[in-house]
């Protein structure tokens, strides 16, 4: 589906996925809530690219869409309705408008902190001002950066990011790790310096096992900035390949390829179980929402989704 038609038609619904033989998908959130002991709402963005303000009214297919203030309003509306919310980002916060050129990412971090982001990972453009530039504005981010396959041990970012983070949301234990794309060839060596790139599939499996088995997480999420798919390079590591070659991951929230998925996609992992992958384009045009419903044993029973368009219908 092309982006124009997608943005016109997307509205959300109950995800028609079979995550386990006994999963039953209901028609409404009311029914889902009646049959569930716990509910967790995941909100997510990717590839914001410093798009603080909405696109101009003359900007063709993206006219009047996006904007941090509108997103903040929508997030608050959702939080007013849902008690268990996690707000996550999959990288490339920086670069794309003069706001980044003038303020170096300080404004983006401050606004994301005001929105109450729980965690983010780094994309390749988050290295655009070098490690020094990222570190300079990092104190403005009141949320952790999770970078599982970037080894910063020989750089000034050593100890400034986390390998994983566990959140407890009203009894649901959520483990989050993150994988990023190979920097060599995308980012100048002087920008990432002695950062070591570790294989994303190996690292993903390591942390998925750790979070599921050792830390007993009820839900394991991967923040990914490796890209959804590469049709011209089918062997290049992507979210689709990551999902297929690992297990113990429930949800991959992607970035990098600016992919507008019509709904979270369903893949089979190496153990024959299902894993979801979602990505919501770029520039804050959409806010992704995925609701997980758990039974009394904290097993996922149902999932619903609503990738919401950010436009001038949201009054700030």
Protein backbone atom coordinates (compact mmCIF):
# COMPACT_ATOMS: atom_id res chain seq x y z
CA UNK A 1 0.00 0.00 0.00
CA UNK A 2 1.43 3.40 -0.89
CA UNK A 3 1.93 5.91 1.89
CA UNK A 4 -0.83 8.28 0.77
CA UNK A 5 -3.54 5.64 0.72
CA UNK A 6 -2.18 4.03 3.86
CA UNK A 7 -2.39 7.24 5.85
CA UNK A 8 -5.94 7.77 4.62
CA UNK A 9 -7.24 4.33 5.52
CA UNK A 10 -5.38 3.09 8.59
CA UNK A 11 -7.51 3.06 11.71
CA UNK A 12 -6.67 0.03 13.81
CA UNK A 13 -8.32 -3.15 14.95
CA UNK A 14 -7.92 -6.51 16.57
CA UNK A 15 -4.90 -8.32 15.26
CA UNK A 16 -5.84 -11.48 13.40
CA UNK A 17 -2.79 -13.44 14.46
CA UNK A 18 -2.41 -16.89 15.93
CA UNK A 19 0.26 -16.62 18.58
CA UNK A 20 -0.71 -19.92 20.24
CA UNK A 21 -3.31 -22.63 19.53
CA UNK A 22 -5.60 -21.46 22.30
CA UNK A 23 -5.64 -17.77 21.29
CA UNK A 24 -9.08 -16.30 20.69
CA UNK A 25 -9.42 -12.86 19.14
CA UNK A 26 -12.42 -10.81 20.15
CA UNK A 27 -14.16 -8.00 18.31
CA UNK A 28 -13.75 -5.19 20.79
CA UNK A 29 -11.52 -3.96 23.58
CA UNK A 30 -14.44 -4.31 25.96
CA UNK A 31 -14.64 -8.05 25.35
CA UNK A 32 -10.86 -8.35 25.47
CA UNK A 33 -10.75 -6.61 28.84
CA UNK A 34 -13.51 -8.81 30.24
CA UNK A 35 -11.51 -11.93 29.43
CA UNK A 36 -8.13 -10.61 30.56
CA UNK A 37 -6.47 -10.20 33.92
CA UNK A 38 -3.84 -7.71 32.73
CA UNK A 39 -3.47 -5.24 29.88
CA UNK A 40 -0.30 -3.55 28.63
CA UNK A 41 -0.27 -0.76 26.03
CA UNK A 42 2.88 -0.30 23.97
CA UNK A 43 3.23 3.07 22.20
CA UNK A 44 6.13 3.50 19.82
CA UNK A 45 7.84 5.72 17.25
CA UNK A 46 10.85 5.46 14.96
CA UNK A 47 12.91 7.68 12.68
CA UNK A 48 11.60 10.97 14.06
CA UNK A 49 14.39 12.87 12.29
CA UNK A 50 14.00 16.11 14.25
CA UNK A 51 10.52 16.78 12.83
CA UNK A 52 9.45 18.97 15.73
CA UNK A 53 6.76 20.82 13.81
CA UNK A 54 4.07 19.41 11.49
CA UNK A 55 4.75 19.29 7.78
CA UNK A 56 3.67 22.44 5.98
CA UNK A 57 0.21 22.63 4.40
CA UNK A 58 1.86 22.72 0.97
CA UNK A 59 3.89 19.56 1.56
CA UNK A 60 1.93 17.22 -0.71
CA UNK A 61 1.21 13.80 0.74
CA UNK A 62 2.40 14.73 4.25
CA UNK A 63 0.63 18.11 4.42
CA UNK A 64 -0.40 19.09 7.97
CA UNK A 65 0.74 15.75 9.39
CA UNK A 66 3.08 15.07 12.28
CA UNK A 67 4.29 17.40 15.01
CA UNK A 68 5.62 16.75 18.51
CA UNK A 69 2.89 18.78 20.25
CA UNK A 70 0.12 16.75 18.62
CA UNK A 71 1.88 13.52 19.50
CA UNK A 72 2.24 14.64 23.11
CA UNK A 73 -1.49 15.40 23.23
CA UNK A 74 -2.40 11.99 21.81
CA UNK A 75 -0.05 10.19 24.20
CA UNK A 76 -1.62 11.96 27.16
CA UNK A 77 -5.10 11.06 25.93
CA UNK A 78 -4.09 7.41 25.78
CA UNK A 79 -2.49 7.56 29.22
CA UNK A 80 -5.71 9.01 30.59
CA UNK A 81 -7.50 5.89 29.37
CA UNK A 82 -4.86 3.21 30.01
CA UNK A 83 -3.04 2.66 33.29
CA UNK A 84 -0.18 0.47 31.97
CA UNK A 85 1.65 2.24 29.14
CA UNK A 86 5.19 1.93 27.80
CA UNK A 87 6.42 4.58 25.34
CA UNK A 88 9.40 3.49 23.22
CA UNK A 89 11.47 4.72 20.27
CA UNK A 90 13.59 2.80 17.76
CA UNK A 91 16.19 5.38 16.84
CA UNK A 92 17.13 8.11 14.34
CA UNK A 93 15.85 10.85 16.59
CA UNK A 94 18.39 13.24 15.06
CA UNK A 95 18.88 14.92 11.67
CA UNK A 96 16.34 16.19 9.19
CA UNK A 97 15.42 19.78 10.13
CA UNK A 98 17.24 22.97 11.21
CA UNK A 99 16.27 22.21 14.81
CA UNK A 100 18.99 19.58 14.87
CA UNK A 101 21.47 21.84 13.06
CA UNK A 102 20.98 24.58 15.65
CA UNK A 103 20.46 22.62 18.87
CA UNK A 104 22.22 19.32 18.21
CA UNK A 105 19.44 17.10 19.58
CA UNK A 106 18.89 18.97 22.86
CA UNK A 107 15.36 20.00 21.91
CA UNK A 108 14.35 16.51 20.75
CA UNK A 109 15.52 14.96 24.01
CA UNK A 110 13.80 17.59 26.13
CA UNK A 111 10.49 17.16 24.32
CA UNK A 112 10.66 13.36 24.43
CA UNK A 113 11.36 13.58 28.15
CA UNK A 114 8.31 15.80 28.60
CA UNK A 115 6.25 13.18 26.73
CA UNK A 116 7.48 10.56 29.18
CA UNK A 117 9.38 8.21 26.90
CA UNK A 118 10.43 5.11 28.81
CA UNK A 119 13.33 4.08 26.57
CA UNK A 120 14.93 4.52 23.16
CA UNK A 121 17.72 3.03 21.11
CA UNK A 122 20.23 4.73 18.82
CA UNK A 123 19.97 4.85 15.05
CA UNK A 124 22.81 5.62 12.65
CA UNK A 125 21.83 9.31 12.43
CA UNK A 126 22.10 9.64 16.19
CA UNK A 127 25.88 9.50 15.55
CA UNK A 128 25.78 12.47 13.13
CA UNK A 129 27.39 14.86 15.62
CA UNK A 130 29.79 12.18 16.76
CA UNK A 131 29.99 10.53 20.15
CA UNK A 132 30.90 13.90 21.66
CA UNK A 133 27.77 15.53 20.25
CA UNK A 134 25.52 12.76 21.52
CA UNK A 135 27.10 12.83 24.98
CA UNK A 136 26.78 16.62 25.16
CA UNK A 137 22.98 16.57 24.84
CA UNK A 138 22.38 13.22 26.59
CA UNK A 139 21.67 14.82 30.02
CA UNK A 140 18.50 16.25 28.46
CA UNK A 141 17.12 12.73 27.95
CA UNK A 142 15.31 11.63 31.11
CA UNK A 143 15.01 8.09 29.74
CA UNK A 144 17.59 5.37 29.06
CA UNK A 145 19.20 4.55 25.73
CA UNK A 146 19.43 0.81 25.19
CA UNK A 147 22.19 -0.38 22.84
CA UNK A 148 22.84 -4.10 23.12
CA UNK A 149 25.05 -4.69 20.06
CA UNK A 150 27.12 -1.50 20.15
CA UNK A 151 30.12 -1.95 22.40
CA UNK A 152 31.12 1.49 23.67
CA UNK A 153 33.69 0.22 26.18
CA UNK A 154 36.60 2.05 24.49
CA UNK A 155 34.69 5.28 23.93
CA UNK A 156 33.34 8.24 25.88
CA UNK A 157 29.89 6.61 25.82
CA UNK A 158 31.10 3.73 27.99
CA UNK A 159 28.52 3.31 30.75
CA UNK A 160 26.21 5.95 29.27
CA UNK A 161 23.83 3.46 27.64
CA UNK A 162 22.26 0.22 28.88
CA UNK A 163 22.34 -3.29 27.44
CA UNK A 164 18.79 -3.99 28.57
CA UNK A 165 16.08 -2.61 30.83
CA UNK A 166 13.25 -4.36 32.72
CA UNK A 167 9.99 -2.58 33.45
CA UNK A 168 7.34 -3.82 35.85
CA UNK A 169 3.90 -2.59 34.81
CA UNK A 170 1.28 -3.59 37.38
CA UNK A 171 2.63 -7.11 37.68
CA UNK A 172 3.69 -7.61 34.05
CA UNK A 173 7.46 -7.90 33.72
CA UNK A 174 8.69 -6.46 30.39
CA UNK A 175 12.27 -6.97 29.24
CA UNK A 176 13.68 -4.70 26.54
CA UNK A 177 16.93 -4.91 24.59
CA UNK A 178 18.00 -3.27 21.32
CA UNK A 179 20.01 -3.90 18.18
CA UNK A 180 21.36 -1.35 15.71
CA UNK A 181 22.64 -1.41 12.16
CA UNK A 182 26.26 -1.73 11.06
CA UNK A 183 27.74 1.78 11.25
CA UNK A 184 30.64 1.24 8.85
CA UNK A 185 29.61 2.64 5.49
CA UNK A 186 26.71 4.63 6.92
CA UNK A 187 28.54 6.74 9.49
CA UNK A 188 32.00 8.24 9.27
CA UNK A 189 34.66 6.59 11.39
CA UNK A 190 35.32 9.87 13.19
CA UNK A 191 31.69 9.90 14.31
CA UNK A 192 31.63 6.45 15.93
CA UNK A 193 35.37 6.05 16.62
CA UNK A 194 36.14 2.85 18.57
CA UNK A 195 32.54 1.66 18.83
CA UNK A 196 32.47 -2.08 18.16
CA UNK A 197 29.61 -3.59 16.20
CA UNK A 198 28.40 -6.97 17.45
CA UNK A 199 26.32 -9.43 15.41
CA UNK A 200 22.67 -8.46 15.96
CA UNK A 201 21.28 -11.99 15.68
CA UNK A 202 23.74 -13.41 18.21
CA UNK A 203 23.21 -10.51 20.60
CA UNK A 204 19.43 -10.64 20.20
CA UNK A 205 19.37 -14.33 21.06
CA UNK A 206 21.66 -13.77 24.04
CA UNK A 207 19.49 -11.07 25.59
CA UNK A 208 16.18 -12.68 24.65
CA UNK A 209 17.25 -15.86 26.46
CA UNK A 210 18.57 -13.88 29.41
CA UNK A 211 15.41 -11.83 29.80
CA UNK A 212 13.02 -14.74 29.30
CA UNK A 213 14.83 -17.49 31.19
CA UNK A 214 17.00 -15.76 33.80
CA UNK A 215 14.92 -12.68 34.50
CA UNK A 216 11.54 -14.43 33.96
CA UNK A 217 10.07 -11.63 31.86
CA UNK A 218 6.48 -12.04 30.74
CA UNK A 219 7.10 -10.07 27.54
CA UNK A 220 10.37 -9.56 25.64
CA UNK A 221 10.68 -6.61 23.26
CA UNK A 222 13.49 -5.81 20.84
CA UNK A 223 13.99 -2.20 19.77
CA UNK A 224 15.54 -2.54 16.34
CA UNK A 225 17.25 -0.12 14.01
CA UNK A 226 18.39 -2.64 11.42
CA UNK A 227 15.55 -2.18 8.90
CA UNK A 228 12.41 -4.14 8.12
CA UNK A 229 13.36 -5.73 4.79
CA UNK A 230 15.85 -5.39 1.91
CA UNK A 231 14.33 -6.73 -1.30
CA UNK A 232 17.47 -6.10 -3.34
CA UNK A 233 19.69 -7.64 -0.63
CA UNK A 234 17.72 -10.64 0.65
CA UNK A 235 20.60 -11.87 2.81
CA UNK A 236 21.12 -8.55 4.60
CA UNK A 237 20.10 -8.79 8.24
CA UNK A 238 16.67 -7.23 8.75
CA UNK A 239 13.80 -7.48 11.20
CA UNK A 240 12.27 -10.26 9.10
CA UNK A 241 15.47 -12.30 9.30
CA UNK A 242 15.97 -11.45 12.97
CA UNK A 243 12.48 -12.71 13.77
CA UNK A 244 13.04 -15.97 11.89
CA UNK A 245 16.51 -16.77 13.28
CA UNK A 246 15.86 -16.15 16.98
CA UNK A 247 13.37 -17.15 19.64
CA UNK A 248 12.05 -15.84 22.97
CA UNK A 249 11.24 -12.45 21.40
CA UNK A 250 7.57 -11.42 21.45
CA UNK A 251 7.74 -8.08 19.66
CA UNK A 252 10.24 -6.30 17.41
CA UNK A 253 9.72 -2.55 17.08
CA UNK A 254 11.68 -1.51 14.03
CA UNK A 255 13.23 1.50 12.36
CA UNK A 256 15.74 2.63 9.72
CA UNK A 257 13.86 1.72 6.52
CA UNK A 258 10.97 4.16 7.12
CA UNK A 259 8.50 1.34 6.48
CA UNK A 260 4.79 2.11 6.84
CA UNK A 261 3.38 -1.26 7.86
CA UNK A 262 -0.41 -1.49 7.53
CA UNK A 263 -0.45 -3.54 10.73
CA UNK A 264 2.03 -5.46 12.89
CA UNK A 265 3.39 -8.34 10.86
CA UNK A 266 3.37 -11.95 12.03
CA UNK A 267 6.49 -14.15 11.64
CA UNK A 268 7.47 -17.62 12.79
CA UNK A 269 10.64 -17.84 14.87
CA UNK A 270 13.15 -20.68 14.88
CA UNK A 271 11.14 -22.54 17.53
CA UNK A 272 7.95 -22.40 15.49
CA UNK A 273 6.35 -19.71 17.65
CA UNK A 274 5.04 -16.34 16.55
CA UNK A 275 6.74 -12.96 16.84
CA UNK A 276 5.31 -9.58 15.86
CA UNK A 277 7.17 -6.88 13.94
CA UNK A 278 5.91 -3.31 13.63
CA UNK A 279 7.30 -0.09 12.16
CA UNK A 280 5.50 3.24 11.72
CA UNK A 281 7.22 5.05 8.87
CA UNK A 282 9.14 8.18 9.76
CA UNK A 283 8.96 11.82 10.90
CA UNK A 284 6.33 11.19 13.57
CA UNK A 285 3.53 10.80 11.03
CA UNK A 286 2.13 7.89 13.07
CA UNK A 287 2.07 6.73 16.66
CA UNK A 288 2.14 2.96 16.91
CA UNK A 289 -0.05 1.31 19.54
CA UNK A 290 -0.12 -2.38 20.38
CA UNK A 291 -2.22 -3.66 23.31
CA UNK A 292 -1.30 -6.97 24.93
CA UNK A 293 -3.93 -8.79 27.01
CA UNK A 294 -2.72 -11.36 29.55
CA UNK A 295 -4.52 -14.07 31.49
CA UNK A 296 -4.10 -14.64 35.23
CA UNK A 297 -0.95 -16.68 34.53
CA UNK A 298 0.52 -13.70 32.65
CA UNK A 299 0.40 -15.47 29.31
CA UNK A 300 -0.53 -13.37 26.27
CA UNK A 301 -4.07 -14.23 25.21
CA UNK A 302 -5.01 -11.43 22.81
CA UNK A 303 -3.48 -8.50 20.96
CA UNK A 304 -5.07 -5.43 19.40
CA UNK A 305 -3.44 -2.61 17.45
CA UNK A 306 -4.02 0.97 16.36
CA UNK A 307 -1.34 2.80 14.38
CA UNK A 308 -2.72 6.31 14.71
CA UNK A 309 -2.22 9.14 12.24
CA UNK A 310 -0.85 12.38 13.72
CA UNK A 311 -2.62 15.25 11.97
CA UNK A 312 -4.63 18.43 12.53
CA UNK A 313 -7.58 16.52 13.94
CA UNK A 314 -5.56 16.34 17.16
CA UNK A 315 -6.17 19.64 18.92
CA UNK A 316 -3.35 20.98 21.08
